[in-house]
Amino acid sequence: MNGEFWEINLFNSSFTVHNFTTNKVMDWQKNIIETDEEIRDLLKNTKRIAVLGIKTEQQAFQPAFYVPQYMASVGFEIIPVPVYYPEATEILGQKVYRKLTDIPGEIDLLNVFRRSNDIPPHVEDILAKKPKAVWFQSGIRNDAVAETLAEEGIKVVQDFCLMVEHRALR
């Protein structure tokens, strides 16, 4: 830690890390969202959702298309960020972006449809854009990436379906 002075405080099952050199407290675990109350609050404060790994209308039967389609139908702005489909210029009637940093304005929520081991190559782009929250869809979990994002102040949801949670908690 290069000459820095750190203190770790353990209390029950949570902890904080204090860097006295920068006077920064790192309690990244508070940015890991898991409860219904936390998810409800996150959704209440979300208007604009970028979807990394979105599919096109030709794959309408796949969750990476019909979940964002549902979210658009209930009033959220959807920003498509497909990984494949280089010919696609619009999805769900919205302009396609190839990188998060190319999207103008802020992103409230990044909804991720990528396999867990395919997420790390996107971390630099995610951190550069710094969405308020990142949501790894049902079946997607990457604790190392989640910790990295949470340490940077980004809220993270893992292994939950955005559509299912929205329907259940609204």
C-alpha atoms as a PDB file:
ATOM      1  CA  MET A   1       0.000   0.000   0.000  1.00  0.00           C
ATOM      2  CA  ASN A   2       2.961   2.227  -0.790  1.00  0.00           C
ATOM      3  CA  GLY A   3       3.599   4.070   2.465  1.00  0.00           C
ATOM      4  CA  GLU A   4      -0.062   4.652   3.166  1.00  0.00           C
ATOM      5  CA  PHE A   5      -1.521   4.082   6.623  1.00  0.00           C
ATOM      6  CA  TRP A   6      -4.646   1.908   6.699  1.00  0.00           C
ATOM      7  CA  GLU A   7      -6.941   0.752   9.477  1.00  0.00           C
ATOM      8  CA  ILE A   8      -9.476  -2.052   9.199  1.00  0.00           C
ATOM      9  CA  ASN A   9     -12.412  -2.062  11.600  1.00  0.00           C
ATOM     10  CA  LEU A  10     -14.428  -5.243  11.986  1.00  0.00           C
ATOM     11  CA  PHE A  11     -17.938  -5.072  13.404  1.00  0.00           C
ATOM     12  CA  ASN A  12     -20.158  -8.145  13.324  1.00  0.00           C
ATOM     13  CA  SER A  13     -19.986  -9.391   9.720  1.00  0.00           C
ATOM     14  CA  SER A  14     -19.235  -6.052   8.053  1.00  0.00           C
ATOM     15  CA  PHE A  15     -16.119  -3.948   7.989  1.00  0.00           C
ATOM     16  CA  THR A  16     -14.773  -0.597   6.926  1.00  0.00           C
ATOM     17  CA  VAL A  17     -11.321   0.215   5.637  1.00  0.00           C
ATOM     18  CA  HIS A  18      -9.917   3.653   6.372  1.00  0.00           C
ATOM     19  CA  ASN A  19      -7.000   5.055   4.417  1.00  0.00           C
ATOM     20  CA  PHE A  20      -5.561   7.699   6.740  1.00  0.00           C
ATOM     21  CA  THR A  21      -3.214   8.980   4.045  1.00  0.00           C
ATOM     22  CA  THR A  22      -6.110  10.067   1.817  1.00  0.00           C
ATOM     23  CA  ASN A  23      -8.642  10.183   4.704  1.00  0.00           C
ATOM     24  CA  LYS A  24     -10.987   8.029   2.643  1.00  0.00           C
ATOM     25  CA  VAL A  25     -13.276   5.420   4.181  1.00  0.00           C
ATOM     26  CA  MET A  26     -13.905   2.491   1.882  1.00  0.00           C
ATOM     27  CA  ASP A  27     -17.079   0.678   2.863  1.00  0.00           C
ATOM     28  CA  TRP A  28     -17.727  -0.729  -0.591  1.00  0.00           C
ATOM     29  CA  GLN A  29     -20.130  -3.386   0.700  1.00  0.00           C
ATOM     30  CA  LYS A  30     -22.837  -0.740   1.161  1.00  0.00           C
ATOM     31  CA  ASN A  31     -22.927  -0.492  -2.646  1.00  0.00           C
ATOM     32  CA  ILE A  32     -23.827  -4.164  -3.074  1.00  0.00           C
ATOM     33  CA  ILE A  33     -27.633  -4.178  -3.433  1.00  0.00           C
ATOM     34  CA  GLU A  34     -29.453  -7.335  -2.338  1.00  0.00           C
ATOM     35  CA  THR A  35     -32.643  -6.547  -0.431  1.00  0.00           C
ATOM     36  CA  ASP A  36     -36.103  -5.796  -1.813  1.00  0.00           C
ATOM     37  CA  GLU A  37     -35.999  -2.370  -0.157  1.00  0.00           C
ATOM     38  CA  GLU A  38     -32.644  -1.508  -1.757  1.00  0.00           C
ATOM     39  CA  ILE A  39     -33.782  -2.754  -5.179  1.00  0.00           C
ATOM     40  CA  ARG A  40     -37.081  -0.860  -4.919  1.00  0.00           C
ATOM     41  CA  ASP A  41     -35.196   2.340  -4.058  1.00  0.00           C
ATOM     42  CA  LEU A  42     -32.776   1.808  -6.939  1.00  0.00           C
ATOM     43  CA  LEU A  43     -35.617   1.297  -9.435  1.00  0.00           C
ATOM     44  CA  LYS A  44     -37.511   4.310  -8.086  1.00  0.00           C
ATOM     45  CA  ASN A  45     -34.504   6.490  -8.887  1.00  0.00           C
ATOM     46  CA  THR A  46     -33.870   4.999 -12.327  1.00  0.00           C
ATOM     47  CA  LYS A  47     -35.070   6.557 -15.578  1.00  0.00           C
ATOM     48  CA  ARG A  48     -32.294   5.808 -18.079  1.00  0.00           C
ATOM     49  CA  ILE A  49     -31.042   2.245 -18.626  1.00  0.00           C
ATOM     50  CA  ALA A  50     -28.151   1.282 -20.905  1.00  0.00           C
ATOM     51  CA  VAL A  51     -28.239  -2.404 -21.879  1.00  0.00           C
ATOM     52  CA  LEU A  52     -24.853  -4.013 -22.475  1.00  0.00           C
ATOM     53  CA  GLY A  53     -25.244  -7.182 -24.539  1.00  0.00           C
ATOM     54  CA  ILE A  54     -28.745  -6.365 -25.807  1.00  0.00           C
ATOM     55  CA  LYS A  55     -30.026  -8.560 -28.636  1.00  0.00           C
ATOM     56  CA  THR A  56     -31.861  -7.368 -31.729  1.00  0.00           C
ATOM     57  CA  GLU A  57     -35.509  -7.786 -32.692  1.00  0.00           C
ATOM     58  CA  GLN A  58     -34.513 -10.992 -34.550  1.00  0.00           C
ATOM     59  CA  GLN A  59     -33.769 -12.540 -31.122  1.00  0.00           C
ATOM     60  CA  ALA A  60     -37.014 -11.294 -29.537  1.00  0.00           C
ATOM     61  CA  PHE A  61     -37.455 -14.621 -27.715  1.00  0.00           C
ATOM     62  CA  GLN A  62     -34.256 -14.122 -25.678  1.00  0.00           C
ATOM     63  CA  PRO A  63     -34.119 -12.288 -22.326  1.00  0.00           C
ATOM     64  CA  ALA A  64     -31.448  -9.899 -23.657  1.00  0.00           C
ATOM     65  CA  PHE A  65     -34.177  -8.497 -25.903  1.00  0.00           C
ATOM     66  CA  TYR A  66     -37.482  -8.974 -24.096  1.00  0.00           C
ATOM     67  CA  VAL A  67     -36.297  -7.686 -20.700  1.00  0.00           C
ATOM     68  CA  PRO A  68     -35.252  -4.281 -22.113  1.00  0.00           C
ATOM     69  CA  GLN A  69     -38.368  -4.317 -24.309  1.00  0.00           C
ATOM     70  CA  TYR A  70     -40.495  -4.734 -21.169  1.00  0.00           C
ATOM     71  CA  MET A  71     -38.594  -1.968 -19.340  1.00  0.00           C
ATOM     72  CA  ALA A  72     -39.176   0.371 -22.308  1.00  0.00           C
ATOM     73  CA  SER A  73     -42.884  -0.523 -22.308  1.00  0.00           C
ATOM     74  CA  VAL A  74     -43.215   0.634 -18.690  1.00  0.00           C
ATOM     75  CA  GLY A  75     -41.556   3.988 -19.313  1.00  0.00           C
ATOM     76  CA  PHE A  76     -37.800   3.585 -18.958  1.00  0.00           C
ATOM     77  CA  GLU A  77     -35.452   5.070 -21.558  1.00  0.00           C
ATOM     78  CA  ILE A  78     -33.436   2.204 -23.041  1.00  0.00           C
ATOM     79  CA  ILE A  79     -30.011   2.760 -24.589  1.00  0.00           C
ATOM     80  CA  PRO A  80     -28.843  -0.276 -26.602  1.00  0.00           C
ATOM     81  CA  VAL A  81     -25.190  -1.322 -26.353  1.00  0.00           C
ATOM     82  CA  PRO A  82     -24.955  -4.596 -28.285  1.00  0.00           C
ATOM     83  CA  VAL A  83     -21.760  -6.618 -28.257  1.00  0.00           C
ATOM     84  CA  TYR A  84     -22.553  -8.422 -31.497  1.00  0.00           C
ATOM     85  CA  TYR A  85     -24.725  -7.424 -34.492  1.00  0.00           C
ATOM     86  CA  PRO A  86     -22.375  -4.890 -36.135  1.00  0.00           C
ATOM     87  CA  GLU A  87     -25.037  -4.112 -38.754  1.00  0.00           C
ATOM     88  CA  ALA A  88     -27.542  -2.939 -36.118  1.00  0.00           C
ATOM     89  CA  THR A  89     -27.902   0.844 -35.918  1.00  0.00           C
ATOM     90  CA  GLU A  90     -31.176   0.850 -33.940  1.00  0.00           C
ATOM     91  CA  ILE A  91     -32.734  -1.533 -31.448  1.00  0.00           C
ATOM     92  CA  LEU A  92     -36.160  -0.878 -29.922  1.00  0.00           C
ATOM     93  CA  GLY A  93     -36.250   2.275 -32.030  1.00  0.00           C
ATOM     94  CA  GLN A  94     -33.206   3.694 -30.226  1.00  0.00           C
ATOM     95  CA  LYS A  95     -29.756   4.520 -31.578  1.00  0.00           C
ATOM     96  CA  VAL A  96     -27.156   1.815 -30.911  1.00  0.00           C
ATOM     97  CA  TYR A  97     -23.900   2.660 -29.129  1.00  0.00           C
ATOM     98  CA  ARG A  98     -20.859   0.396 -29.184  1.00  0.00           C
ATOM     99  CA  LYS A  99     -19.199   1.782 -26.045  1.00  0.00           C
ATOM    100  CA  LEU A 100     -20.710   3.192 -22.880  1.00  0.00           C
ATOM    101  CA  THR A 101     -18.437   6.217 -23.062  1.00  0.00           C
ATOM    102  CA  ASP A 102     -20.009   7.138 -26.412  1.00  0.00           C
ATOM    103  CA  ILE A 103     -23.429   7.572 -24.789  1.00  0.00           C
ATOM    104  CA  PRO A 104     -24.237  11.235 -24.153  1.00  0.00           C
ATOM    105  CA  GLY A 105     -25.404  12.154 -20.656  1.00  0.00           C
ATOM    106  CA  GLU A 106     -25.626  10.129 -17.467  1.00  0.00           C
ATOM    107  CA  ILE A 107     -26.695   6.516 -17.125  1.00  0.00           C
ATOM    108  CA  ASP A 108     -28.823   5.647 -14.116  1.00  0.00           C
ATOM    109  CA  LEU A 109     -28.496   1.888 -14.572  1.00  0.00           C
ATOM    110  CA  LEU A 110     -26.367  -0.393 -16.711  1.00  0.00           C
ATOM    111  CA  ASN A 111     -28.191  -3.696 -17.287  1.00  0.00           C
ATOM    112  CA  VAL A 112     -25.634  -6.382 -18.210  1.00  0.00           C
ATOM    113  CA  PHE A 113     -26.394  -9.396 -20.395  1.00  0.00           C
ATOM    114  CA  ARG A 114     -22.911 -10.925 -20.605  1.00  0.00           C
ATOM    115  CA  ARG A 115     -21.572 -14.184 -19.238  1.00  0.00           C
ATOM    116  CA  SER A 116     -19.785 -13.713 -15.929  1.00  0.00           C
ATOM    117  CA  ASN A 117     -16.353 -14.410 -17.433  1.00  0.00           C
ATOM    118  CA  ASP A 118     -17.053 -11.973 -20.316  1.00  0.00           C
ATOM    119  CA  ILE A 119     -17.604  -8.975 -18.012  1.00  0.00           C
ATOM    120  CA  PRO A 120     -13.986  -8.041 -17.100  1.00  0.00           C
ATOM    121  CA  PRO A 121     -13.137  -6.645 -20.579  1.00  0.00           C
ATOM    122  CA  HIS A 122     -15.971  -4.109 -20.087  1.00  0.00           C
ATOM    123  CA  VAL A 123     -14.814  -2.838 -16.662  1.00  0.00           C
ATOM    124  CA  GLU A 124     -12.647  -0.015 -18.021  1.00  0.00           C
ATOM    125  CA  ASP A 125     -15.550   1.309 -20.132  1.00  0.00           C
ATOM    126  CA  ILE A 126     -17.966   0.968 -17.190  1.00  0.00           C
ATOM    127  CA  LEU A 127     -15.646   2.834 -14.828  1.00  0.00           C
ATOM    128  CA  ALA A 128     -15.023   5.557 -17.416  1.00  0.00           C
ATOM    129  CA  LYS A 129     -18.782   6.146 -17.853  1.00  0.00           C
ATOM    130  CA  LYS A 130     -19.542   5.577 -14.146  1.00  0.00           C
ATOM    131  CA  PRO A 131     -23.246   4.717 -14.204  1.00  0.00           C
ATOM    132  CA  LYS A 132     -25.036   5.136 -10.880  1.00  0.00           C
ATOM    133  CA  ALA A 133     -25.703   1.390 -10.758  1.00  0.00           C
ATOM    134  CA  VAL A 134     -24.850  -1.835 -12.601  1.00  0.00           C
ATOM    135  CA  TRP A 135     -27.269  -4.779 -12.738  1.00  0.00           C
ATOM    136  CA  PHE A 136     -25.990  -8.255 -13.636  1.00  0.00           C
ATOM    137  CA  GLN A 137     -28.986 -10.233 -14.892  1.00  0.00           C
ATOM    138  CA  SER A 138     -30.220 -13.517 -13.447  1.00  0.00           C
ATOM    139  CA  GLY A 139     -27.494 -16.164 -13.596  1.00  0.00           C
ATOM    140  CA  ILE A 140     -24.729 -13.557 -13.902  1.00  0.00           C
ATOM    141  CA  ARG A 141     -22.376 -13.038 -10.987  1.00  0.00           C
ATOM    142  CA  ASN A 142     -18.808 -11.751 -10.877  1.00  0.00           C
ATOM    143  CA  ASP A 143     -17.810 -10.877  -7.326  1.00  0.00           C
ATOM    144  CA  ALA A 144     -14.415  -9.427  -8.295  1.00  0.00           C
ATOM    145  CA  VAL A 145     -15.975  -7.016 -10.805  1.00  0.00           C
ATOM    146  CA  ALA A 146     -18.801  -6.187  -8.380  1.00  0.00           C
ATOM    147  CA  GLU A 147     -16.258  -5.272  -5.697  1.00  0.00           C
ATOM    148  CA  THR A 148     -14.262  -3.127  -8.131  1.00  0.00           C
ATOM    149  CA  LEU A 149     -17.391  -1.228  -9.169  1.00  0.00           C
ATOM    150  CA  ALA A 150     -18.666  -0.902  -5.586  1.00  0.00           C
ATOM    151  CA  GLU A 151     -15.299   0.480  -4.443  1.00  0.00           C
ATOM    152  CA  GLU A 152     -15.757   3.239  -7.042  1.00  0.00           C
ATOM    153  CA  GLY A 153     -19.142   4.176  -5.588  1.00  0.00           C
ATOM    154  CA  ILE A 154     -21.268   2.321  -8.153  1.00  0.00           C
ATOM    155  CA  LYS A 155     -24.201   0.341  -6.782  1.00  0.00           C
ATOM    156  CA  VAL A 156     -24.236  -3.300  -7.950  1.00  0.00           C
ATOM    157  CA  VAL A 157     -27.000  -5.910  -8.212  1.00  0.00           C
ATOM    158  CA  GLN A 158     -26.004  -9.470  -9.118  1.00  0.00           C
ATOM    159  CA  ASP A 159     -27.977 -12.509 -10.250  1.00  0.00           C
ATOM    160  CA  PHE A 160     -31.456 -10.938 -10.327  1.00  0.00           C
ATOM    161  CA  CYS A 161     -33.741 -10.417 -13.312  1.00  0.00           C
ATOM    162  CA  LEU A 162     -34.540  -6.728 -13.765  1.00  0.00           C
ATOM    163  CA  MET A 163     -37.960  -7.456 -15.289  1.00  0.00           C
ATOM    164  CA  VAL A 164     -38.982  -9.902 -12.553  1.00  0.00           C
ATOM    165  CA  GLU A 165     -37.863  -7.547  -9.794  1.00  0.00           C
ATOM    166  CA  HIS A 166     -39.603  -4.557 -11.389  1.00  0.00           C
ATOM    167  CA  ARG A 167     -42.863  -6.493 -11.688  1.00  0.00           C
ATOM    168  CA  ALA A 168     -42.637  -7.773  -8.132  1.00  0.00           C
ATOM    169  CA  LEU A 169     -41.646  -4.527  -6.431  1.00  0.00           C
ATOM    170  CA  ARG A 170     -43.556  -1.777  -8.208  1.00  0.00           C
END
